[in-house]
Amino acid sequence: MTVKTEERNLYTIAQEIWEDWKKPNFAAIPYMRAMNVMVSPDERYLYDPGTEIVLRFLCNCGT
């Protein structure tokens, strides 16, 4: 069985996180803001690669 998935923009995912996560960890908020204006992790946000933004968000969202 093959499952067809649809690619979503990073800002769409970030919007869903903002809507669902009522009290985000303070350390994750800057990365959520950055992802909110990015289309893909392949982009840069200021001086940081998009992949770093996503990874830093993931590191801080669980603490």
PDB file of N, CA and C in Angstrom:
ATOM      1  N   MET A   1       0.840  -1.172   0.000  1.00  0.00           N
ATOM      2  CA  MET A   1       0.000   0.000   0.000  1.00  0.00           C
ATOM      3  C   MET A   1       0.891   1.242   0.000  1.00  0.00           C
ATOM      4  N   THR A   2       0.606   2.155  -0.877  1.00  0.00           N
ATOM      5  CA  THR A   2       1.351   3.400  -0.978  1.00  0.00           C
ATOM      6  C   THR A   2       0.495   4.542  -0.447  1.00  0.00           C
ATOM      7  N   VAL A   3       1.079   5.317   0.438  1.00  0.00           N
ATOM      8  CA  VAL A   3       0.380   6.470   0.992  1.00  0.00           C
ATOM      9  C   VAL A   3       0.891   7.714   0.291  1.00  0.00           C
ATOM     10  N   LYS A   4      -0.017   8.454  -0.286  1.00  0.00           N
ATOM     11  CA  LYS A   4       0.367   9.692  -0.963  1.00  0.00           C
ATOM     12  C   LYS A   4       0.335  10.831   0.049  1.00  0.00           C
ATOM     13  N   THR A   5       1.441  11.526   0.157  1.00  0.00           N
ATOM     14  CA  THR A   5       1.513  12.652   1.084  1.00  0.00           C
ATOM     15  C   THR A   5       1.651  13.950   0.305  1.00  0.00           C
ATOM     16  N   GLU A   6       1.163  14.989   0.886  1.00  0.00           N
ATOM     17  CA  GLU A   6       1.234  16.301   0.265  1.00  0.00           C
ATOM     18  C   GLU A   6       2.297  17.124   0.979  1.00  0.00           C
ATOM     19  N   GLU A   7       3.156  17.761   0.210  1.00  0.00           N
ATOM     20  CA  GLU A   7       4.161  18.630   0.816  1.00  0.00           C
ATOM     21  C   GLU A   7       3.498  19.907   1.303  1.00  0.00           C
ATOM     22  N   ARG A   8       3.931  20.355   2.479  1.00  0.00           N
ATOM     23  CA  ARG A   8       3.394  21.596   3.037  1.00  0.00           C
ATOM     24  C   ARG A   8       4.536  22.572   3.259  1.00  0.00           C
ATOM     25  N   ASN A   9       4.220  23.834   3.151  1.00  0.00           N
ATOM     26  CA  ASN A   9       5.214  24.874   3.415  1.00  0.00           C
ATOM     27  C   ASN A   9       5.542  24.907   4.896  1.00  0.00           C
ATOM     28  N   LEU A  10       6.742  25.349   5.198  1.00  0.00           N
ATOM     29  CA  LEU A  10       7.168  25.441   6.587  1.00  0.00           C
ATOM     30  C   LEU A  10       6.308  26.433   7.358  1.00  0.00           C
ATOM     31  N   TYR A  11       5.912  27.528   6.724  1.00  0.00           N
ATOM     32  CA  TYR A  11       5.070  28.503   7.427  1.00  0.00           C
ATOM     33  C   TYR A  11       3.688  27.935   7.739  1.00  0.00           C
ATOM     34  N   THR A  12       3.192  27.011   6.930  1.00  0.00           N
ATOM     35  CA  THR A  12       1.913  26.363   7.218  1.00  0.00           C
ATOM     36  C   THR A  12       2.035  25.486   8.455  1.00  0.00           C
ATOM     37  N   ILE A  13       3.117  24.751   8.535  1.00  0.00           N
ATOM     38  CA  ILE A  13       3.362  23.900   9.704  1.00  0.00           C
ATOM     39  C   ILE A  13       3.537  24.766  10.946  1.00  0.00           C
ATOM     40  N   ALA A  14       4.278  25.867  10.805  1.00  0.00           N
ATOM     41  CA  ALA A  14       4.486  26.772  11.940  1.00  0.00           C
ATOM     42  C   ALA A  14       3.164  27.362  12.423  1.00  0.00           C
ATOM     43  N   GLN A  15       2.285  27.710  11.501  1.00  0.00           N
ATOM     44  CA  GLN A  15       0.975  28.253  11.886  1.00  0.00           C
ATOM     45  C   GLN A  15       0.179  27.226  12.684  1.00  0.00           C
ATOM     46  N   GLU A  16       0.231  25.974  12.271  1.00  0.00           N
ATOM     47  CA  GLU A  16      -0.473  24.923  13.006  1.00  0.00           C
ATOM     48  C   GLU A  16       0.103  24.752  14.406  1.00  0.00           C
ATOM     49  N   ILE A  17       1.414  24.878  14.523  1.00  0.00           N
ATOM     50  CA  ILE A  17       2.050  24.781  15.842  1.00  0.00           C
ATOM     51  C   ILE A  17       1.575  25.930  16.724  1.00  0.00           C
ATOM     52  N   TRP A  18       1.551  27.164  16.177  1.00  0.00           N
ATOM     53  CA  TRP A  18       1.081  28.322  16.947  1.00  0.00           C
ATOM     54  C   TRP A  18      -0.351  28.114  17.415  1.00  0.00           C
ATOM     55  N   GLU A  19      -1.200  27.560  16.550  1.00  0.00           N
ATOM     56  CA  GLU A  19      -2.609  27.370  16.895  1.00  0.00           C
ATOM     57  C   GLU A  19      -2.805  26.285  17.952  1.00  0.00           C
ATOM     58  N   ASP A  20      -2.022  25.218  17.868  1.00  0.00           N
ATOM     59  CA  ASP A  20      -2.205  24.081  18.774  1.00  0.00           C
ATOM     60  C   ASP A  20      -1.463  24.221  20.097  1.00  0.00           C
ATOM     61  N   TRP A  21      -0.335  24.886  20.088  1.00  0.00           N
ATOM     62  CA  TRP A  21       0.518  24.957  21.272  1.00  0.00           C
ATOM     63  C   TRP A  21       0.210  26.261  21.996  1.00  0.00           C
ATOM     64  N   LYS A  22      -0.631  26.173  22.998  1.00  0.00           N
ATOM     65  CA  LYS A  22      -1.121  27.374  23.694  1.00  0.00           C
ATOM     66  C   LYS A  22      -0.049  28.062  24.538  1.00  0.00           C
ATOM     67  N   LYS A  23       0.840  27.296  25.158  1.00  0.00           N
ATOM     68  CA  LYS A  23       1.911  27.878  25.977  1.00  0.00           C
ATOM     69  C   LYS A  23       3.251  27.316  25.507  1.00  0.00           C
ATOM     70  N   PRO A  24       3.776  27.831  24.400  1.00  0.00           N
ATOM     71  CA  PRO A  24       5.044  27.295  23.901  1.00  0.00           C
ATOM     72  C   PRO A  24       6.200  27.609  24.843  1.00  0.00           C
ATOM     73  N   ASN A  25       7.181  26.746  24.811  1.00  0.00           N
ATOM     74  CA  ASN A  25       8.399  26.962  25.579  1.00  0.00           C
ATOM     75  C   ASN A  25       9.059  28.248  25.091  1.00  0.00           C
ATOM     76  N   PHE A  26       9.507  29.074  26.018  1.00  0.00           N
ATOM     77  CA  PHE A  26      10.098  30.371  25.659  1.00  0.00           C
ATOM     78  C   PHE A  26      11.291  30.216  24.724  1.00  0.00           C
ATOM     79  N   ALA A  27      12.041  29.125  24.855  1.00  0.00           N
ATOM     80  CA  ALA A  27      13.226  28.926  24.018  1.00  0.00           C
ATOM     81  C   ALA A  27      12.870  28.539  22.583  1.00  0.00           C
ATOM     82  N   ALA A  28      11.668  28.036  22.368  1.00  0.00           N
ATOM     83  CA  ALA A  28      11.244  27.627  21.027  1.00  0.00           C
ATOM     84  C   ALA A  28      10.620  28.776  20.240  1.00  0.00           C
ATOM     85  N   ILE A  29      10.183  29.814  20.920  1.00  0.00           N
ATOM     86  CA  ILE A  29       9.445  30.901  20.268  1.00  0.00           C
ATOM     87  C   ILE A  29      10.243  31.595  19.153  1.00  0.00           C
ATOM     88  N   PRO A  30      11.520  31.930  19.335  1.00  0.00           N
ATOM     89  CA  PRO A  30      12.239  32.584  18.226  1.00  0.00           C
ATOM     90  C   PRO A  30      12.301  31.718  16.965  1.00  0.00           C
ATOM     91  N   TYR A  31      12.403  30.422  17.143  1.00  0.00           N
ATOM     92  CA  TYR A  31      12.467  29.523  15.999  1.00  0.00           C
ATOM     93  C   TYR A  31      11.092  29.357  15.362  1.00  0.00           C
ATOM     94  N   MET A  32      10.046  29.396  16.163  1.00  0.00           N
ATOM     95  CA  MET A  32       8.688  29.361  15.619  1.00  0.00           C
ATOM     96  C   MET A  32       8.436  30.609  14.779  1.00  0.00           C
ATOM     97  N   ARG A  33       8.905  31.749  15.256  1.00  0.00           N
ATOM     98  CA  ARG A  33       8.746  33.000  14.498  1.00  0.00           C
ATOM     99  C   ARG A  33       9.504  32.938  13.174  1.00  0.00           C
ATOM    100  N   ALA A  34      10.693  32.383  13.217  1.00  0.00           N
ATOM    101  CA  ALA A  34      11.481  32.266  11.985  1.00  0.00           C
ATOM    102  C   ALA A  34      10.794  31.334  10.989  1.00  0.00           C
ATOM    103  N   MET A  35      10.332  30.191  11.466  1.00  0.00           N
ATOM    104  CA  MET A  35       9.670  29.239  10.572  1.00  0.00           C
ATOM    105  C   MET A  35       8.386  29.816  10.000  1.00  0.00           C
ATOM    106  N   ASN A  36       7.791  30.755  10.710  1.00  0.00           N
ATOM    107  CA  ASN A  36       6.532  31.357  10.279  1.00  0.00           C
ATOM    108  C   ASN A  36       6.670  32.159   8.979  1.00  0.00           C
ATOM    109  N   VAL A  37       7.889  32.505   8.590  1.00  0.00           N
ATOM    110  CA  VAL A  37       8.100  33.260   7.349  1.00  0.00           C
ATOM    111  C   VAL A  37       8.918  32.482   6.321  1.00  0.00           C
ATOM    112  N   MET A  38       9.136  31.207   6.585  1.00  0.00           N
ATOM    113  CA  MET A  38       9.936  30.384   5.676  1.00  0.00           C
ATOM    114  C   MET A  38       9.046  29.430   4.885  1.00  0.00           C
ATOM    115  N   VAL A  39       9.418  29.203   3.646  1.00  0.00           N
ATOM    116  CA  VAL A  39       8.686  28.257   2.811  1.00  0.00           C
ATOM    117  C   VAL A  39       9.270  26.859   2.974  1.00  0.00           C
ATOM    118  N   SER A  40      10.581  26.773   3.084  1.00  0.00           N
ATOM    119  CA  SER A  40      11.268  25.484   3.090  1.00  0.00           C
ATOM    120  C   SER A  40      12.496  25.551   3.996  1.00  0.00           C
ATOM    121  N   PRO A  41      12.905  24.415   4.549  1.00  0.00           N
ATOM    122  CA  PRO A  41      14.151  24.398   5.327  1.00  0.00           C
ATOM    123  C   PRO A  41      15.386  24.633   4.459  1.00  0.00           C
ATOM    124  N   ASP A  42      15.212  24.609   3.150  1.00  0.00           N
ATOM    125  CA  ASP A  42      16.336  24.870   2.248  1.00  0.00           C
ATOM    126  C   ASP A  42      16.688  26.352   2.178  1.00  0.00           C
ATOM    127  N   GLU A  43      15.820  27.210   2.700  1.00  0.00           N
ATOM    128  CA  GLU A  43      16.063  28.659   2.718  1.00  0.00           C
ATOM    129  C   GLU A  43      16.988  29.030   3.869  1.00  0.00           C
ATOM    130  N   ARG A  44      17.403  30.280   3.865  1.00  0.00           N
ATOM    131  CA  ARG A  44      18.149  30.843   4.993  1.00  0.00           C
ATOM    132  C   ARG A  44      17.234  31.813   5.720  1.00  0.00           C
ATOM    133  N   TYR A  45      17.431  31.915   7.013  1.00  0.00           N
ATOM    134  CA  TYR A  45      16.747  32.937   7.804  1.00  0.00           C
ATOM    135  C   TYR A  45      17.842  33.795   8.417  1.00  0.00           C
ATOM    136  N   LEU A  46      17.958  35.008   7.937  1.00  0.00           N
ATOM    137  CA  LEU A  46      19.072  35.896   8.279  1.00  0.00           C
ATOM    138  C   LEU A  46      20.375  35.178   7.946  1.00  0.00           C
ATOM    139  N   TYR A  47      21.186  34.847   8.938  1.00  0.00           N
ATOM    140  CA  TYR A  47      22.466  34.200   8.657  1.00  0.00           C
ATOM    141  C   TYR A  47      22.437  32.695   8.879  1.00  0.00           C
ATOM    142  N   ASP A  48      21.294  32.159   9.282  1.00  0.00           N
ATOM    143  CA  ASP A  48      21.208  30.743   9.627  1.00  0.00           C
ATOM    144  C   ASP A  48      20.540  29.922   8.530  1.00  0.00           C
ATOM    145  N   PRO A  49      21.072  28.731   8.266  1.00  0.00           N
ATOM    146  CA  PRO A  49      20.395  27.836   7.332  1.00  0.00           C
ATOM    147  C   PRO A  49      19.041  27.408   7.906  1.00  0.00           C
ATOM    148  N   GLY A  50      18.082  27.213   7.044  1.00  0.00           N
ATOM    149  CA  GLY A  50      16.747  26.811   7.482  1.00  0.00           C
ATOM    150  C   GLY A  50      16.738  25.496   8.236  1.00  0.00           C
ATOM    151  N   THR A  51      17.610  24.582   7.839  1.00  0.00           N
ATOM    152  CA  THR A  51      17.662  23.303   8.551  1.00  0.00           C
ATOM    153  C   THR A  51      18.068  23.508  10.008  1.00  0.00           C
ATOM    154  N   GLU A  52      18.964  24.468  10.255  1.00  0.00           N
ATOM    155  CA  GLU A  52      19.367  24.772  11.636  1.00  0.00           C
ATOM    156  C   GLU A  52      18.202  25.341  12.438  1.00  0.00           C
ATOM    157  N   ILE A  53      17.396  26.180  11.807  1.00  0.00           N
ATOM    158  CA  ILE A  53      16.230  26.756  12.484  1.00  0.00           C
ATOM    159  C   ILE A  53      15.287  25.638  12.917  1.00  0.00           C
ATOM    160  N   VAL A  54      15.002  24.721  11.999  1.00  0.00           N
ATOM    161  CA  VAL A  54      14.087  23.614  12.305  1.00  0.00           C
ATOM    162  C   VAL A  54      14.677  22.727  13.397  1.00  0.00           C
ATOM    163  N   LEU A  55      15.941  22.403  13.301  1.00  0.00           N
ATOM    164  CA  LEU A  55      16.571  21.549  14.311  1.00  0.00           C
ATOM    165  C   LEU A  55      16.603  22.221  15.681  1.00  0.00           C
ATOM    166  N   ARG A  56      16.881  23.508  15.720  1.00  0.00           N
ATOM    167  CA  ARG A  56      16.889  24.221  17.006  1.00  0.00           C
ATOM    168  C   ARG A  56      15.488  24.281  17.603  1.00  0.00           C
ATOM    169  N   PHE A  57      14.482  24.451  16.745  1.00  0.00           N
ATOM    170  CA  PHE A  57      13.105  24.406  17.244  1.00  0.00           C
ATOM    171  C   PHE A  57      12.830  23.042  17.863  1.00  0.00           C
ATOM    172  N   LEU A  58      13.179  21.984  17.161  1.00  0.00           N
ATOM    173  CA  LEU A  58      12.913  20.636  17.670  1.00  0.00           C
ATOM    174  C   LEU A  58      13.653  20.374  18.978  1.00  0.00           C
ATOM    175  N   CYS A  59      14.859  20.898  19.110  1.00  0.00           N
ATOM    176  CA  CYS A  59      15.622  20.725  20.353  1.00  0.00           C
ATOM    177  C   CYS A  59      14.981  21.470  21.517  1.00  0.00           C
ATOM    178  N   ASN A  60      14.348  22.598  21.241  1.00  0.00           N
ATOM    179  CA  ASN A  60      13.788  23.425  22.309  1.00  0.00           C
ATOM    180  C   ASN A  60      12.308  23.204  22.567  1.00  0.00           C
ATOM    181  N   CYS A  61      11.621  22.526  21.690  1.00  0.00           N
ATOM    182  CA  CYS A  61      10.173  22.397  21.880  1.00  0.00           C
ATOM    183  C   CYS A  61       9.821  21.376  22.954  1.00  0.00           C
ATOM    184  N   GLY A  62      10.726  20.483  23.268  1.00  0.00           N
ATOM    185  CA  GLY A  62      10.410  19.462  24.258  1.00  0.00           C
ATOM    186  C   GLY A  62      10.906  19.770  25.655  1.00  0.00           C
ATOM    187  N   THR A  63      11.598  20.890  25.836  1.00  0.00           N
ATOM    188  CA  THR A  63      12.157  21.182  27.156  1.00  0.00           C
ATOM    189  C   THR A  63      11.253  22.076  27.962  1.00  0.00           C
TER     190      THR A  63
END
